[in-house]
Structures are given as C-alpha cells and as structure tokens.
Amino acid sequence: MKVLFPTAETIVAVNRYICEQGGNPHHCYDIGKIESAVTTAFYPGSYPFTHGGIAGIAGALCFYLAQSHAFMDGNKRTAALVAIAFMNQNGLDLQYPMDEARDINALAEIIENCADGQVGKDQLITWFESHKTKLPITH
C-alpha cells in the first residue's frame, strides 16, 4: 500500500495560507512539533500503520497537529485541512452534518473539543472512520 505523507514544510505552507486568508500573521513556533505529529501519525512509516487505514491515520494526524499548537494561529484549521487533503489524496473524503442553528459543522466541533482536551485521539480516529466516504473515480 503506497501512501503519500504530508511533509512538515507542506503543513507549514497550509498554515501560512490559512493565516493569509484570515488576515492573520503566520508564525510557526516549532517545526519539530509538526515533524513529530507526522511521524507519530504514520508510525511505523509503512503499512500496516498503527492507527489503521487512511481514515484512522487522518484522524491521528488531525489529533496530533491540533494538540501540538505549533503555530501562533490556525492550528485547528490546519489540522483539519491537512487531514482532509491526506484523505483526498488517498481516495477518501469526510461527510459530516452542519448544525445550522449553532452555525457550526460537526468537524469543527469535534476538532475544537479535541484541542480543548474533551475528545481523545481514539475518539477522533473513530469519528473519522465513521464519517469517511469514497471519492468518486474520475477519468
């Protein structure tokens, strides 16, 4: 199973983009935290991975990135975007509900709860697994 790994530099670029879009300054406190998050999510570096399949790895990657607080701003958004992009590169996507009354989607809510320590890694992985869908094949 060939899996494409995001690099720390790519994740920094994602955060830079997110900050620019929001009009916020970009600053990476410690690229080592990002490298550690990637390494831990993709352990042991080849199939079979500790965190399971693509959705499990994406959940773990999202968890470790959100918990690392490697950036001055946009940690949760970066974690979500990197996890979804990883899934997309590997043929999967997430499908989750939007709570119109509270103006929040389920992904934002669970990542917020993850960053606050209310949701653990295994819970986030399970959430990703239960909300994964296959991307349509296009030619």
C-alpha atoms as a PDB file:
ATOM      1  CA  MET A   1       0.000   0.000   0.000  1.00  0.00           C
ATOM      2  CA  LYS A   2       1.618   3.249  -1.170  1.00  0.00           C
ATOM      3  CA  VAL A   3       0.574   6.194   0.972  1.00  0.00           C
ATOM      4  CA  LEU A   4       1.615   9.801   0.362  1.00  0.00           C
ATOM      5  CA  PHE A   5       2.833  11.511   3.524  1.00  0.00           C
ATOM      6  CA  PRO A   6       2.465  15.263   4.029  1.00  0.00           C
ATOM      7  CA  THR A   7       5.769  16.928   4.854  1.00  0.00           C
ATOM      8  CA  ALA A   8       6.274  19.394   7.679  1.00  0.00           C
ATOM      9  CA  GLU A   9       7.071  22.058   5.070  1.00  0.00           C
ATOM     10  CA  THR A  10       3.760  21.399   3.307  1.00  0.00           C
ATOM     11  CA  ILE A  11       1.885  21.687   6.604  1.00  0.00           C
ATOM     12  CA  VAL A  12       3.631  25.000   7.331  1.00  0.00           C
ATOM     13  CA  ALA A  13       2.574  26.206   3.868  1.00  0.00           C
ATOM     14  CA  VAL A  14      -1.032  25.200   4.604  1.00  0.00           C
ATOM     15  CA  ASN A  15      -0.954  27.194   7.827  1.00  0.00           C
ATOM     16  CA  ARG A  16       0.591  30.186   6.040  1.00  0.00           C
ATOM     17  CA  TYR A  17      -2.245  30.075   3.504  1.00  0.00           C
ATOM     18  CA  ILE A  18      -4.913  29.775   6.220  1.00  0.00           C
ATOM     19  CA  CYS A  19      -3.466  32.741   8.100  1.00  0.00           C
ATOM     20  CA  GLU A  20      -3.217  34.849   4.943  1.00  0.00           C
ATOM     21  CA  GLN A  21      -6.853  34.096   4.075  1.00  0.00           C
ATOM     22  CA  GLY A  22      -7.937  35.191   7.545  1.00  0.00           C
ATOM     23  CA  GLY A  23      -5.723  38.279   7.525  1.00  0.00           C
ATOM     24  CA  ASN A  24      -3.731  36.928  10.464  1.00  0.00           C
ATOM     25  CA  PRO A  25       0.041  36.761  10.879  1.00  0.00           C
ATOM     26  CA  HIS A  26       1.667  33.397  10.254  1.00  0.00           C
ATOM     27  CA  HIS A  27       4.260  32.107  12.674  1.00  0.00           C
ATOM     28  CA  CYS A  28       5.486  28.567  13.259  1.00  0.00           C
ATOM     29  CA  TYR A  29       6.776  28.194  16.802  1.00  0.00           C
ATOM     30  CA  ASP A  30       8.478  24.848  16.301  1.00  0.00           C
ATOM     31  CA  ILE A  31       8.633  22.795  13.090  1.00  0.00           C
ATOM     32  CA  GLY A  32       9.819  19.879  15.218  1.00  0.00           C
ATOM     33  CA  LYS A  33       6.315  19.631  16.704  1.00  0.00           C
ATOM     34  CA  ILE A  34       4.911  19.236  13.205  1.00  0.00           C
ATOM     35  CA  GLU A  35       7.513  16.632  12.259  1.00  0.00           C
ATOM     36  CA  SER A  36       6.688  14.737  15.456  1.00  0.00           C
ATOM     37  CA  ALA A  37       2.946  14.843  14.697  1.00  0.00           C
ATOM     38  CA  VAL A  38       3.503  13.445  11.197  1.00  0.00           C
ATOM     39  CA  THR A  39       5.913  10.754  12.356  1.00  0.00           C
ATOM     40  CA  THR A  40       3.590   9.634  15.152  1.00  0.00           C
ATOM     41  CA  ALA A  41       0.503   9.547  12.917  1.00  0.00           C
ATOM     42  CA  PHE A  42       2.276   7.482  10.260  1.00  0.00           C
ATOM     43  CA  TYR A  43       4.110   5.125  12.603  1.00  0.00           C
ATOM     44  CA  PRO A  44       5.862   2.840  11.738  1.00  0.00           C
ATOM     45  CA  GLY A  45       6.224   4.503   8.341  1.00  0.00           C
ATOM     46  CA  SER A  46       4.817   1.731   6.177  1.00  0.00           C
ATOM     47  CA  TYR A  47       1.757  -0.500   6.004  1.00  0.00           C
ATOM     48  CA  PRO A  48       0.318  -1.693   8.349  1.00  0.00           C
ATOM     49  CA  PHE A  49       0.110   1.573  10.243  1.00  0.00           C
ATOM     50  CA  THR A  50      -0.533   1.693  13.980  1.00  0.00           C
ATOM     51  CA  HIS A  51      -3.617   3.883  13.538  1.00  0.00           C
ATOM     52  CA  GLY A  52      -5.233   1.679  10.900  1.00  0.00           C
ATOM     53  CA  GLY A  53      -6.246   2.696   7.417  1.00  0.00           C
ATOM     54  CA  ILE A  54      -6.363   6.065   5.712  1.00  0.00           C
ATOM     55  CA  ALA A  55      -9.206   7.490   7.814  1.00  0.00           C
ATOM     56  CA  GLY A  56      -7.550   6.316  11.038  1.00  0.00           C
ATOM     57  CA  ILE A  57      -4.256   7.885  10.055  1.00  0.00           C
ATOM     58  CA  ALA A  58      -6.066  11.108   9.088  1.00  0.00           C
ATOM     59  CA  GLY A  59      -7.771  11.196  12.482  1.00  0.00           C
ATOM     60  CA  ALA A  60      -4.482  10.625  14.282  1.00  0.00           C
ATOM     61  CA  LEU A  61      -2.737  13.257  12.151  1.00  0.00           C
ATOM     62  CA  CYS A  62      -5.515  15.745  12.876  1.00  0.00           C
ATOM     63  CA  PHE A  63      -5.284  14.983  16.599  1.00  0.00           C
ATOM     64  CA  TYR A  64      -1.507  15.317  16.823  1.00  0.00           C
ATOM     65  CA  LEU A  65      -1.432  18.523  14.758  1.00  0.00           C
ATOM     66  CA  ALA A  66      -4.244  20.152  16.750  1.00  0.00           C
ATOM     67  CA  GLN A  67      -2.611  19.163  20.043  1.00  0.00           C
ATOM     68  CA  SER A  68       0.877  20.316  19.018  1.00  0.00           C
ATOM     69  CA  HIS A  69      -0.001  24.039  18.965  1.00  0.00           C
ATOM     70  CA  ALA A  70       2.926  24.505  16.587  1.00  0.00           C
ATOM     71  CA  PHE A  71       1.510  27.724  15.119  1.00  0.00           C
ATOM     72  CA  MET A  72       0.584  31.103  16.521  1.00  0.00           C
ATOM     73  CA  ASP A  73      -2.814  30.894  14.760  1.00  0.00           C
ATOM     74  CA  GLY A  74      -4.831  28.387  12.758  1.00  0.00           C
ATOM     75  CA  ASN A  75      -3.745  25.152  14.460  1.00  0.00           C
ATOM     76  CA  LYS A  76      -7.185  23.506  14.323  1.00  0.00           C
ATOM     77  CA  ARG A  77      -7.948  24.706  10.795  1.00  0.00           C
ATOM     78  CA  THR A  78      -4.545  23.499   9.622  1.00  0.00           C
ATOM     79  CA  ALA A  79      -5.079  20.113  11.291  1.00  0.00           C
ATOM     80  CA  ALA A  80      -8.480  19.720   9.616  1.00  0.00           C
ATOM     81  CA  LEU A  81      -7.325  20.816   6.161  1.00  0.00           C
ATOM     82  CA  VAL A  82      -4.201  18.633   6.209  1.00  0.00           C
ATOM     83  CA  ALA A  83      -6.210  15.581   7.371  1.00  0.00           C
ATOM     84  CA  ILE A  84      -8.853  16.080   4.677  1.00  0.00           C
ATOM     85  CA  ALA A  85      -6.237  16.676   1.958  1.00  0.00           C
ATOM     86  CA  PHE A  86      -4.455  13.486   3.038  1.00  0.00           C
ATOM     87  CA  MET A  87      -7.718  11.556   2.775  1.00  0.00           C
ATOM     88  CA  ASN A  88      -8.486  13.096  -0.628  1.00  0.00           C
ATOM     89  CA  GLN A  89      -5.036  12.148  -1.966  1.00  0.00           C
ATOM     90  CA  ASN A  90      -5.821   8.591  -0.979  1.00  0.00           C
ATOM     91  CA  GLY A  91      -9.350   8.361  -2.432  1.00  0.00           C
ATOM     92  CA  LEU A  92     -11.454   9.253   0.617  1.00  0.00           C
ATOM     93  CA  ASP A  93     -13.377  12.251   1.895  1.00  0.00           C
ATOM     94  CA  LEU A  94     -15.338  13.170   5.004  1.00  0.00           C
ATOM     95  CA  GLN A  95     -19.097  13.616   5.081  1.00  0.00           C
ATOM     96  CA  TYR A  96     -20.499  15.247   8.199  1.00  0.00           C
ATOM     97  CA  PRO A  97     -23.520  17.303   9.228  1.00  0.00           C
ATOM     98  CA  MET A  98     -23.836  21.046   9.662  1.00  0.00           C
ATOM     99  CA  ASP A  99     -25.722  22.348  12.704  1.00  0.00           C
ATOM    100  CA  GLU A 100     -27.441  25.362  11.112  1.00  0.00           C
ATOM    101  CA  ALA A 101     -28.929  26.570  14.427  1.00  0.00           C
ATOM    102  CA  ARG A 102     -25.488  26.885  16.032  1.00  0.00           C
ATOM    103  CA  ASP A 103     -23.703  27.749  12.748  1.00  0.00           C
ATOM    104  CA  ILE A 104     -21.061  25.033  13.255  1.00  0.00           C
ATOM    105  CA  ASN A 105     -20.231  21.827  11.447  1.00  0.00           C
ATOM    106  CA  ALA A 106     -19.502  18.524  13.120  1.00  0.00           C
ATOM    107  CA  LEU A 107     -15.844  18.529  12.019  1.00  0.00           C
ATOM    108  CA  ALA A 108     -15.174  21.955  13.519  1.00  0.00           C
ATOM    109  CA  GLU A 109     -16.922  20.941  16.715  1.00  0.00           C
ATOM    110  CA  ILE A 110     -15.016  17.701  17.254  1.00  0.00           C
ATOM    111  CA  ILE A 111     -11.658  19.344  16.482  1.00  0.00           C
ATOM    112  CA  GLU A 112     -12.464  22.170  18.885  1.00  0.00           C
ATOM    113  CA  ASN A 113     -13.269  19.565  21.538  1.00  0.00           C
ATOM    114  CA  CYS A 114     -10.052  17.728  20.682  1.00  0.00           C
ATOM    115  CA  ALA A 115      -7.953  20.869  21.108  1.00  0.00           C
ATOM    116  CA  ASP A 116      -9.683  21.524  24.448  1.00  0.00           C
ATOM    117  CA  GLY A 117      -8.870  18.004  25.664  1.00  0.00           C
ATOM    118  CA  GLN A 118     -12.517  16.841  25.684  1.00  0.00           C
ATOM    119  CA  VAL A 119     -12.007  14.379  22.808  1.00  0.00           C
ATOM    120  CA  GLY A 120      -9.134  11.917  22.775  1.00  0.00           C
ATOM    121  CA  LYS A 121      -7.166  10.501  19.874  1.00  0.00           C
ATOM    122  CA  ASP A 122      -9.114   7.247  19.726  1.00  0.00           C
ATOM    123  CA  GLN A 123     -12.426   9.131  19.709  1.00  0.00           C
ATOM    124  CA  LEU A 124     -11.235  11.351  16.873  1.00  0.00           C
ATOM    125  CA  ILE A 125      -9.997   8.350  14.884  1.00  0.00           C
ATOM    126  CA  THR A 126     -13.365   6.646  15.373  1.00  0.00           C
ATOM    127  CA  TRP A 127     -15.126   9.824  14.230  1.00  0.00           C
ATOM    128  CA  PHE A 128     -13.016   9.982  11.059  1.00  0.00           C
ATOM    129  CA  GLU A 129     -13.675   6.280  10.386  1.00  0.00           C
ATOM    130  CA  SER A 130     -17.437   6.700  10.805  1.00  0.00           C
ATOM    131  CA  HIS A 131     -17.616   9.775   8.538  1.00  0.00           C
ATOM    132  CA  LYS A 132     -15.375   8.617   5.671  1.00  0.00           C
ATOM    133  CA  THR A 133     -16.716   8.259   2.150  1.00  0.00           C
ATOM    134  CA  LYS A 134     -15.066   7.158  -1.055  1.00  0.00           C
ATOM    135  CA  LEU A 135     -14.321   9.862  -3.584  1.00  0.00           C
ATOM    136  CA  PRO A 136     -15.902   9.253  -6.989  1.00  0.00           C
ATOM    137  CA  ILE A 137     -13.457   7.952  -9.553  1.00  0.00           C
ATOM    138  CA  THR A 138     -12.943  10.436 -12.376  1.00  0.00           C
ATOM    139  CA  HIS A 139     -11.105   9.838 -15.594  1.00  0.00           C
END
